[in-house]
Amino acid sequence: MATETSMPKPIRVAVVEDDARTLSRLCSAIEHESGFVLAQSFSCGLPAIAWLRNNPVDILLTDLGLPDTSGIEVIRACVEHQAQCDIMVITMFGDEKNVLTSIESGAMGYILKGIDEMDVGRAMRDLRAGGSPMTPLIARKVLTRARRGDPSAAGQDGSQQAPSVSLTNREAEILNLIARGYTYEEVSKLLSVSLSTVQTHIKNTYGKLAVKSRAEAVYEANRMGLLRSGAF
């Protein structure tokens, strides 16, 4: 018989969203998702930042357009005070600047508003499994930015510099599949390996590339010439 101490702790989720209907829908999705608990919700950013200083949380869902501050500042505060927290943006802003700034600030996922409650739960589970859930339109923006290249990565003659890291064949294979939009579960089935093996390779790849998310990994790998041309 399982004891109370052996039961897994629920995943604590905080939400920052100024639209009352959207906030209610997100909170309802969390409360009805097994294994998750709503830790706190906020309609403004500054109270959320203050709360994050002293209260542990596993997932932060935040909008960007808040009445008192930018959601970017909420993300940065969360990274500073809750290093273990997974952060996902849920917003109506799909422009490149907001997407890239959110990722650079510490967001692991980026979803445009309009997803249903089932998708919220799926996105949170993907986030906790090491994934970076993104609306396809957002993923395309990130990949388009990556395909344009980074001038700083090229030599004076315009040629691409050699990669500063080296991936194993398996790491490169998995990363190429991830870049094409496959989930970790789909990759494990395609390669006939366990999900934990895929996650281990991804973790090692993130370490080599010095990144924290799927989008960053794809961007850096493409910039270094580590992705096959057909990956996109």
C-alpha atoms as a PDB file:
ATOM      1  CA  MET A   1       0.000   0.000   0.000  1.00  0.00           C
ATOM      2  CA  ALA A   2       1.464   3.362  -1.028  1.00  0.00           C
ATOM      3  CA  THR A   3       2.132   5.812   1.749  1.00  0.00           C
ATOM      4  CA  GLU A   4       1.569   9.524   1.544  1.00  0.00           C
ATOM      5  CA  THR A   5       5.307  10.176   1.388  1.00  0.00           C
ATOM      6  CA  SER A   6       5.699   7.852  -1.623  1.00  0.00           C
ATOM      7  CA  MET A   7       3.096   9.668  -3.688  1.00  0.00           C
ATOM      8  CA  PRO A   8       4.574  11.890  -6.409  1.00  0.00           C
ATOM      9  CA  LYS A   9       4.291  15.577  -5.718  1.00  0.00           C
ATOM     10  CA  PRO A  10       1.900  17.444  -8.013  1.00  0.00           C
ATOM     11  CA  ILE A  11       3.440  19.760 -10.579  1.00  0.00           C
ATOM     12  CA  ARG A  12       2.865  23.333  -9.408  1.00  0.00           C
ATOM     13  CA  VAL A  13       1.787  25.785 -12.118  1.00  0.00           C
ATOM     14  CA  ALA A  14       1.567  29.581 -11.978  1.00  0.00           C
ATOM     15  CA  VAL A  15      -0.325  31.619 -14.583  1.00  0.00           C
ATOM     16  CA  VAL A  16       0.061  35.284 -15.552  1.00  0.00           C
ATOM     17  CA  GLU A  17      -2.701  36.498 -17.890  1.00  0.00           C
ATOM     18  CA  ASP A  18      -4.588  39.790 -17.934  1.00  0.00           C
ATOM     19  CA  ASP A  19      -7.585  38.642 -19.986  1.00  0.00           C
ATOM     20  CA  ALA A  20     -10.136  37.297 -17.492  1.00  0.00           C
ATOM     21  CA  ARG A  21     -11.685  34.715 -19.821  1.00  0.00           C
ATOM     22  CA  THR A  22      -8.327  33.342 -20.946  1.00  0.00           C
ATOM     23  CA  LEU A  23      -7.066  33.248 -17.353  1.00  0.00           C
ATOM     24  CA  SER A  24     -10.155  31.328 -16.250  1.00  0.00           C
ATOM     25  CA  ARG A  25      -9.755  28.840 -19.122  1.00  0.00           C
ATOM     26  CA  LEU A  26      -6.078  28.215 -18.362  1.00  0.00           C
ATOM     27  CA  CYS A  27      -6.724  27.777 -14.648  1.00  0.00           C
ATOM     28  CA  SER A  28      -9.553  25.352 -15.407  1.00  0.00           C
ATOM     29  CA  ALA A  29      -7.302  23.343 -17.741  1.00  0.00           C
ATOM     30  CA  ILE A  30      -4.635  23.057 -15.026  1.00  0.00           C
ATOM     31  CA  GLU A  31      -7.095  22.074 -12.317  1.00  0.00           C
ATOM     32  CA  HIS A  32      -8.561  19.313 -14.495  1.00  0.00           C
ATOM     33  CA  GLU A  33      -5.173  17.932 -15.571  1.00  0.00           C
ATOM     34  CA  SER A  34      -4.085  14.928 -13.494  1.00  0.00           C
ATOM     35  CA  GLY A  35      -0.810  15.458 -11.662  1.00  0.00           C
ATOM     36  CA  PHE A  36      -0.913  19.251 -11.933  1.00  0.00           C
ATOM     37  CA  VAL A  37      -2.030  21.851  -9.398  1.00  0.00           C
ATOM     38  CA  LEU A  38      -2.683  25.555  -9.792  1.00  0.00           C
ATOM     39  CA  ALA A  39      -0.206  27.247  -7.450  1.00  0.00           C
ATOM     40  CA  GLN A  40      -1.266  30.842  -8.159  1.00  0.00           C
ATOM     41  CA  SER A  41      -2.719  33.047 -10.872  1.00  0.00           C
ATOM     42  CA  PHE A  42      -2.177  36.720 -11.637  1.00  0.00           C
ATOM     43  CA  SER A  43      -3.751  39.301 -13.936  1.00  0.00           C
ATOM     44  CA  CYS A  44      -0.691  41.581 -13.694  1.00  0.00           C
ATOM     45  CA  GLY A  45       3.041  41.032 -13.936  1.00  0.00           C
ATOM     46  CA  LEU A  46       4.481  42.881 -10.943  1.00  0.00           C
ATOM     47  CA  PRO A  47       2.579  40.865  -8.292  1.00  0.00           C
ATOM     48  CA  ALA A  48       3.706  37.708 -10.092  1.00  0.00           C
ATOM     49  CA  ILE A  49       7.340  38.836  -9.973  1.00  0.00           C
ATOM     50  CA  ALA A  50       7.063  39.500  -6.235  1.00  0.00           C
ATOM     51  CA  TRP A  51       5.443  36.112  -5.652  1.00  0.00           C
ATOM     52  CA  LEU A  52       8.077  34.249  -7.658  1.00  0.00           C
ATOM     53  CA  ARG A  53      10.818  35.460  -5.310  1.00  0.00           C
ATOM     54  CA  ASN A  54       9.605  33.272  -2.431  1.00  0.00           C
ATOM     55  CA  ASN A  55       7.276  30.584  -3.787  1.00  0.00           C
ATOM     56  CA  PRO A  56       8.434  27.421  -5.574  1.00  0.00           C
ATOM     57  CA  VAL A  57       6.790  26.638  -8.899  1.00  0.00           C
ATOM     58  CA  ASP A  58       7.461  24.014 -11.576  1.00  0.00           C
ATOM     59  CA  ILE A  59       5.773  25.622 -14.596  1.00  0.00           C
ATOM     60  CA  LEU A  60       5.087  29.253 -15.433  1.00  0.00           C
ATOM     61  CA  LEU A  61       2.539  30.110 -18.117  1.00  0.00           C
ATOM     62  CA  THR A  62       2.677  33.793 -19.012  1.00  0.00           C
ATOM     63  CA  ASP A  63       1.280  36.248 -21.494  1.00  0.00           C
ATOM     64  CA  LEU A  64       3.548  38.980 -22.866  1.00  0.00           C
ATOM     65  CA  GLY A  65       1.146  41.932 -23.063  1.00  0.00           C
ATOM     66  CA  LEU A  66       0.434  42.766 -19.418  1.00  0.00           C
ATOM     67  CA  PRO A  67      -1.023  46.020 -18.045  1.00  0.00           C
ATOM     68  CA  ASP A  68       1.834  46.878 -15.660  1.00  0.00           C
ATOM     69  CA  THR A  69       4.980  45.349 -17.183  1.00  0.00           C
ATOM     70  CA  SER A  70       6.140  43.098 -20.002  1.00  0.00           C
ATOM     71  CA  GLY A  71       5.821  39.338 -19.744  1.00  0.00           C
ATOM     72  CA  ILE A  72       9.506  39.291 -20.678  1.00  0.00           C
ATOM     73  CA  GLU A  73      10.273  40.776 -17.262  1.00  0.00           C
ATOM     74  CA  VAL A  74       8.201  38.054 -15.624  1.00  0.00           C
ATOM     75  CA  ILE A  75      10.193  35.432 -17.523  1.00  0.00           C
ATOM     76  CA  ARG A  76      13.495  36.964 -16.457  1.00  0.00           C
ATOM     77  CA  ALA A  77      12.395  37.145 -12.818  1.00  0.00           C
ATOM     78  CA  CYS A  78      11.329  33.510 -12.944  1.00  0.00           C
ATOM     79  CA  VAL A  79      14.694  32.450 -14.367  1.00  0.00           C
ATOM     80  CA  GLU A  80      16.460  34.404 -11.618  1.00  0.00           C
ATOM     81  CA  HIS A  81      14.439  33.083  -8.690  1.00  0.00           C
ATOM     82  CA  GLN A  82      13.108  29.734  -9.982  1.00  0.00           C
ATOM     83  CA  ALA A  83      15.949  28.163 -11.941  1.00  0.00           C
ATOM     84  CA  GLN A  84      14.213  24.773 -12.039  1.00  0.00           C
ATOM     85  CA  CYS A  85      10.982  26.179 -13.497  1.00  0.00           C
ATOM     86  CA  ASP A  86       9.874  25.473 -17.072  1.00  0.00           C
ATOM     87  CA  ILE A  87       8.460  28.594 -18.735  1.00  0.00           C
ATOM     88  CA  MET A  88       5.940  28.714 -21.563  1.00  0.00           C
ATOM     89  CA  VAL A  89       4.569  31.814 -23.259  1.00  0.00           C
ATOM     90  CA  ILE A  90       0.884  31.814 -24.221  1.00  0.00           C
ATOM     91  CA  THR A  91       0.167  34.996 -26.147  1.00  0.00           C
ATOM     92  CA  MET A  92      -1.345  36.628 -29.215  1.00  0.00           C
ATOM     93  CA  PHE A  93       2.008  38.173 -30.196  1.00  0.00           C
ATOM     94  CA  GLY A  94       3.644  36.072 -32.903  1.00  0.00           C
ATOM     95  CA  ASP A  95       6.210  38.534 -34.237  1.00  0.00           C
ATOM     96  CA  GLU A  96       9.850  37.497 -34.490  1.00  0.00           C
ATOM     97  CA  LYS A  97      11.123  40.033 -31.948  1.00  0.00           C
ATOM     98  CA  ASN A  98       8.829  38.834 -29.154  1.00  0.00           C
ATOM     99  CA  VAL A  99       9.456  35.178 -29.987  1.00  0.00           C
ATOM    100  CA  LEU A 100      13.243  35.447 -29.977  1.00  0.00           C
ATOM    101  CA  THR A 101      13.391  37.749 -26.943  1.00  0.00           C
ATOM    102  CA  SER A 102      11.201  35.324 -24.989  1.00  0.00           C
ATOM    103  CA  ILE A 103      13.430  32.385 -25.895  1.00  0.00           C
ATOM    104  CA  GLU A 104      16.615  34.306 -25.144  1.00  0.00           C
ATOM    105  CA  SER A 105      15.163  35.350 -21.773  1.00  0.00           C
ATOM    106  CA  GLY A 106      14.425  31.756 -20.778  1.00  0.00           C
ATOM    107  CA  ALA A 107      11.103  30.595 -22.245  1.00  0.00           C
ATOM    108  CA  MET A 108      11.059  26.894 -23.203  1.00  0.00           C
ATOM    109  CA  GLY A 109       7.788  26.992 -25.130  1.00  0.00           C
ATOM    110  CA  TYR A 110       5.764  29.503 -27.146  1.00  0.00           C
ATOM    111  CA  ILE A 111       2.077  28.988 -27.899  1.00  0.00           C
ATOM    112  CA  LEU A 112      -0.298  31.359 -29.656  1.00  0.00           C
ATOM    113  CA  LYS A 113      -3.681  31.856 -28.006  1.00  0.00           C
ATOM    114  CA  GLY A 114      -6.527  29.767 -29.310  1.00  0.00           C
ATOM    115  CA  ILE A 115      -5.479  26.280 -28.164  1.00  0.00           C
ATOM    116  CA  ASP A 116      -8.071  24.220 -26.328  1.00  0.00           C
ATOM    117  CA  GLU A 117      -7.807  22.816 -22.796  1.00  0.00           C
ATOM    118  CA  MET A 118      -6.540  19.427 -23.994  1.00  0.00           C
ATOM    119  CA  ASP A 119      -3.699  21.125 -25.844  1.00  0.00           C
ATOM    120  CA  VAL A 120      -2.744  23.108 -22.739  1.00  0.00           C
ATOM    121  CA  GLY A 121      -2.356  19.870 -20.797  1.00  0.00           C
ATOM    122  CA  ARG A 122      -0.395  18.231 -23.609  1.00  0.00           C
ATOM    123  CA  ALA A 123       1.892  21.232 -23.901  1.00  0.00           C
ATOM    124  CA  MET A 124       2.602  21.226 -20.146  1.00  0.00           C
ATOM    125  CA  ARG A 125       3.422  17.519 -20.187  1.00  0.00           C
ATOM    126  CA  ASP A 126       5.712  17.993 -23.191  1.00  0.00           C
ATOM    127  CA  LEU A 127       7.399  20.857 -21.342  1.00  0.00           C
ATOM    128  CA  ARG A 128       8.044  18.716 -18.254  1.00  0.00           C
ATOM    129  CA  ALA A 129       9.345  15.874 -20.435  1.00  0.00           C
ATOM    130  CA  GLY A 130      12.084  18.125 -21.785  1.00  0.00           C
ATOM    131  CA  GLY A 131      10.311  19.349 -24.891  1.00  0.00           C
ATOM    132  CA  SER A 132       9.678  22.842 -26.217  1.00  0.00           C
ATOM    133  CA  PRO A 133       6.048  23.033 -27.338  1.00  0.00           C
ATOM    134  CA  MET A 134       5.509  25.627 -30.049  1.00  0.00           C
ATOM    135  CA  THR A 135       2.668  26.629 -32.320  1.00  0.00           C
ATOM    136  CA  PRO A 136       3.742  25.535 -35.838  1.00  0.00           C
ATOM    137  CA  LEU A 137       3.703  29.147 -37.042  1.00  0.00           C
ATOM    138  CA  ILE A 138       6.142  30.101 -34.265  1.00  0.00           C
ATOM    139  CA  ALA A 139       8.415  27.134 -35.000  1.00  0.00           C
ATOM    140  CA  ARG A 140       8.521  28.238 -38.641  1.00  0.00           C
ATOM    141  CA  LYS A 141       9.560  31.759 -37.618  1.00  0.00           C
ATOM    142  CA  VAL A 142      12.400  30.378 -35.505  1.00  0.00           C
ATOM    143  CA  LEU A 143      13.553  28.074 -38.283  1.00  0.00           C
ATOM    144  CA  THR A 144      13.299  30.853 -40.868  1.00  0.00           C
ATOM    145  CA  ARG A 145      15.509  33.023 -38.679  1.00  0.00           C
ATOM    146  CA  ALA A 146      17.962  30.148 -38.369  1.00  0.00           C
ATOM    147  CA  ARG A 147      18.035  29.565 -42.131  1.00  0.00           C
ATOM    148  CA  ARG A 148      18.901  33.211 -42.760  1.00  0.00           C
ATOM    149  CA  GLY A 149      22.097  32.552 -40.861  1.00  0.00           C
ATOM    150  CA  ASP A 150      24.097  34.637 -38.419  1.00  0.00           C
ATOM    151  CA  PRO A 151      26.728  36.946 -39.985  1.00  0.00           C
ATOM    152  CA  SER A 152      28.869  36.579 -36.883  1.00  0.00           C
ATOM    153  CA  ALA A 153      29.237  32.898 -37.635  1.00  0.00           C
ATOM    154  CA  ALA A 154      30.852  33.530 -41.006  1.00  0.00           C
ATOM    155  CA  GLY A 155      34.428  34.469 -41.862  1.00  0.00           C
ATOM    156  CA  GLN A 156      35.425  37.630 -43.671  1.00  0.00           C
ATOM    157  CA  ASP A 157      35.080  35.872 -46.997  1.00  0.00           C
ATOM    158  CA  GLY A 158      31.493  34.931 -46.124  1.00  0.00           C
ATOM    159  CA  SER A 159      32.302  31.259 -45.632  1.00  0.00           C
ATOM    160  CA  GLN A 160      30.826  29.362 -42.711  1.00  0.00           C
ATOM    161  CA  GLN A 161      33.195  28.682 -39.851  1.00  0.00           C
ATOM    162  CA  ALA A 162      33.725  25.105 -38.764  1.00  0.00           C
ATOM    163  CA  PRO A 163      31.451  23.886 -35.942  1.00  0.00           C
ATOM    164  CA  SER A 164      32.916  24.416 -32.494  1.00  0.00           C
ATOM    165  CA  VAL A 165      31.158  21.291 -31.209  1.00  0.00           C
ATOM    166  CA  SER A 166      30.832  17.747 -32.456  1.00  0.00           C
ATOM    167  CA  LEU A 167      27.688  15.639 -32.190  1.00  0.00           C
ATOM    168  CA  THR A 168      27.620  11.859 -32.271  1.00  0.00           C
ATOM    169  CA  ASN A 169      25.785  10.254 -35.185  1.00  0.00           C
ATOM    170  CA  ARG A 170      22.840   9.431 -32.945  1.00  0.00           C
ATOM    171  CA  GLU A 171      22.693  12.932 -31.463  1.00  0.00           C
ATOM    172  CA  ALA A 172      22.749  14.455 -34.940  1.00  0.00           C
ATOM    173  CA  GLU A 173      20.093  12.022 -36.150  1.00  0.00           C
ATOM    174  CA  ILE A 174      17.774  12.861 -33.271  1.00  0.00           C
ATOM    175  CA  LEU A 175      18.352  16.602 -33.567  1.00  0.00           C
ATOM    176  CA  ASN A 176      17.547  16.513 -37.290  1.00  0.00           C
ATOM    177  CA  LEU A 177      14.247  14.765 -36.542  1.00  0.00           C
ATOM    178  CA  ILE A 178      13.445  17.282 -33.809  1.00  0.00           C
ATOM    179  CA  ALA A 179      14.187  20.109 -36.255  1.00  0.00           C
ATOM    180  CA  ARG A 180      11.665  18.585 -38.660  1.00  0.00           C
ATOM    181  CA  GLY A 181       8.957  18.817 -35.973  1.00  0.00           C
ATOM    182  CA  TYR A 182       8.868  15.273 -34.582  1.00  0.00           C
ATOM    183  CA  THR A 183       8.037  14.895 -30.886  1.00  0.00           C
ATOM    184  CA  TYR A 184      10.315  12.928 -28.548  1.00  0.00           C
ATOM    185  CA  GLU A 185       7.793  10.066 -28.545  1.00  0.00           C
ATOM    186  CA  GLU A 186       7.709   9.966 -32.350  1.00  0.00           C
ATOM    187  CA  VAL A 187      11.509  10.008 -32.519  1.00  0.00           C
ATOM    188  CA  SER A 188      11.736   7.060 -30.111  1.00  0.00           C
ATOM    189  CA  LYS A 189       9.366   5.040 -32.315  1.00  0.00           C
ATOM    190  CA  LEU A 190      11.123   5.985 -35.557  1.00  0.00           C
ATOM    191  CA  LEU A 191      14.528   4.989 -34.188  1.00  0.00           C
ATOM    192  CA  SER A 192      13.256   2.019 -32.130  1.00  0.00           C
ATOM    193  CA  VAL A 193      14.800   3.344 -28.924  1.00  0.00           C
ATOM    194  CA  SER A 194      13.272   4.203 -25.557  1.00  0.00           C
ATOM    195  CA  LEU A 195      11.931   7.650 -24.750  1.00  0.00           C
ATOM    196  CA  SER A 196      14.498   7.974 -21.955  1.00  0.00           C
ATOM    197  CA  THR A 197      17.288   7.295 -24.476  1.00  0.00           C
ATOM    198  CA  VAL A 198      16.006  10.088 -26.721  1.00  0.00           C
ATOM    199  CA  GLN A 199      15.809  12.450 -23.739  1.00  0.00           C
ATOM    200  CA  THR A 200      19.359  11.560 -22.693  1.00  0.00           C
ATOM    201  CA  HIS A 201      20.710  12.306 -26.183  1.00  0.00           C
ATOM    202  CA  ILE A 202      18.786  15.591 -26.280  1.00  0.00           C
ATOM    203  CA  LYS A 203      20.132  16.563 -22.858  1.00  0.00           C
ATOM    204  CA  ASN A 204      23.689  15.835 -24.024  1.00  0.00           C
ATOM    205  CA  THR A 205      23.111  17.816 -27.215  1.00  0.00           C
ATOM    206  CA  TYR A 206      21.742  20.801 -25.280  1.00  0.00           C
ATOM    207  CA  GLY A 207      24.860  20.706 -23.104  1.00  0.00           C
ATOM    208  CA  LYS A 208      27.209  20.673 -26.100  1.00  0.00           C
ATOM    209  CA  LEU A 209      25.361  23.535 -27.773  1.00  0.00           C
ATOM    210  CA  ALA A 210      24.975  25.482 -24.500  1.00  0.00           C
ATOM    211  CA  VAL A 211      21.229  25.910 -25.031  1.00  0.00           C
ATOM    212  CA  LYS A 212      18.111  25.323 -22.956  1.00  0.00           C
ATOM    213  CA  SER A 213      15.346  24.686 -25.471  1.00  0.00           C
ATOM    214  CA  ARG A 214      14.443  22.971 -28.720  1.00  0.00           C
ATOM    215  CA  ALA A 215      14.277  26.247 -30.638  1.00  0.00           C
ATOM    216  CA  GLU A 216      17.693  27.364 -29.405  1.00  0.00           C
ATOM    217  CA  ALA A 217      19.180  23.948 -30.232  1.00  0.00           C
ATOM    218  CA  VAL A 218      17.850  24.044 -33.795  1.00  0.00           C
ATOM    219  CA  TYR A 219      19.029  27.627 -34.251  1.00  0.00           C
ATOM    220  CA  GLU A 220      22.558  26.955 -32.958  1.00  0.00           C
ATOM    221  CA  ALA A 221      22.953  23.636 -34.780  1.00  0.00           C
ATOM    222  CA  ASN A 222      21.876  25.199 -38.059  1.00  0.00           C
ATOM    223  CA  ARG A 223      24.188  28.184 -37.511  1.00  0.00           C
ATOM    224  CA  MET A 224      27.097  25.799 -36.956  1.00  0.00           C
ATOM    225  CA  GLY A 225      26.231  23.735 -40.009  1.00  0.00           C
ATOM    226  CA  LEU A 226      25.308  20.663 -37.964  1.00  0.00           C
ATOM    227  CA  LEU A 227      21.895  20.094 -39.547  1.00  0.00           C
ATOM    228  CA  ARG A 228      21.290  18.378 -42.861  1.00  0.00           C
ATOM    229  CA  SER A 229      19.923  20.719 -45.529  1.00  0.00           C
ATOM    230  CA  GLY A 230      16.765  18.632 -45.751  1.00  0.00           C
ATOM    231  CA  ALA A 231      16.010  19.040 -42.053  1.00  0.00           C
ATOM    232  CA  PHE A 232      13.716  21.967 -42.765  1.00  0.00           C
END
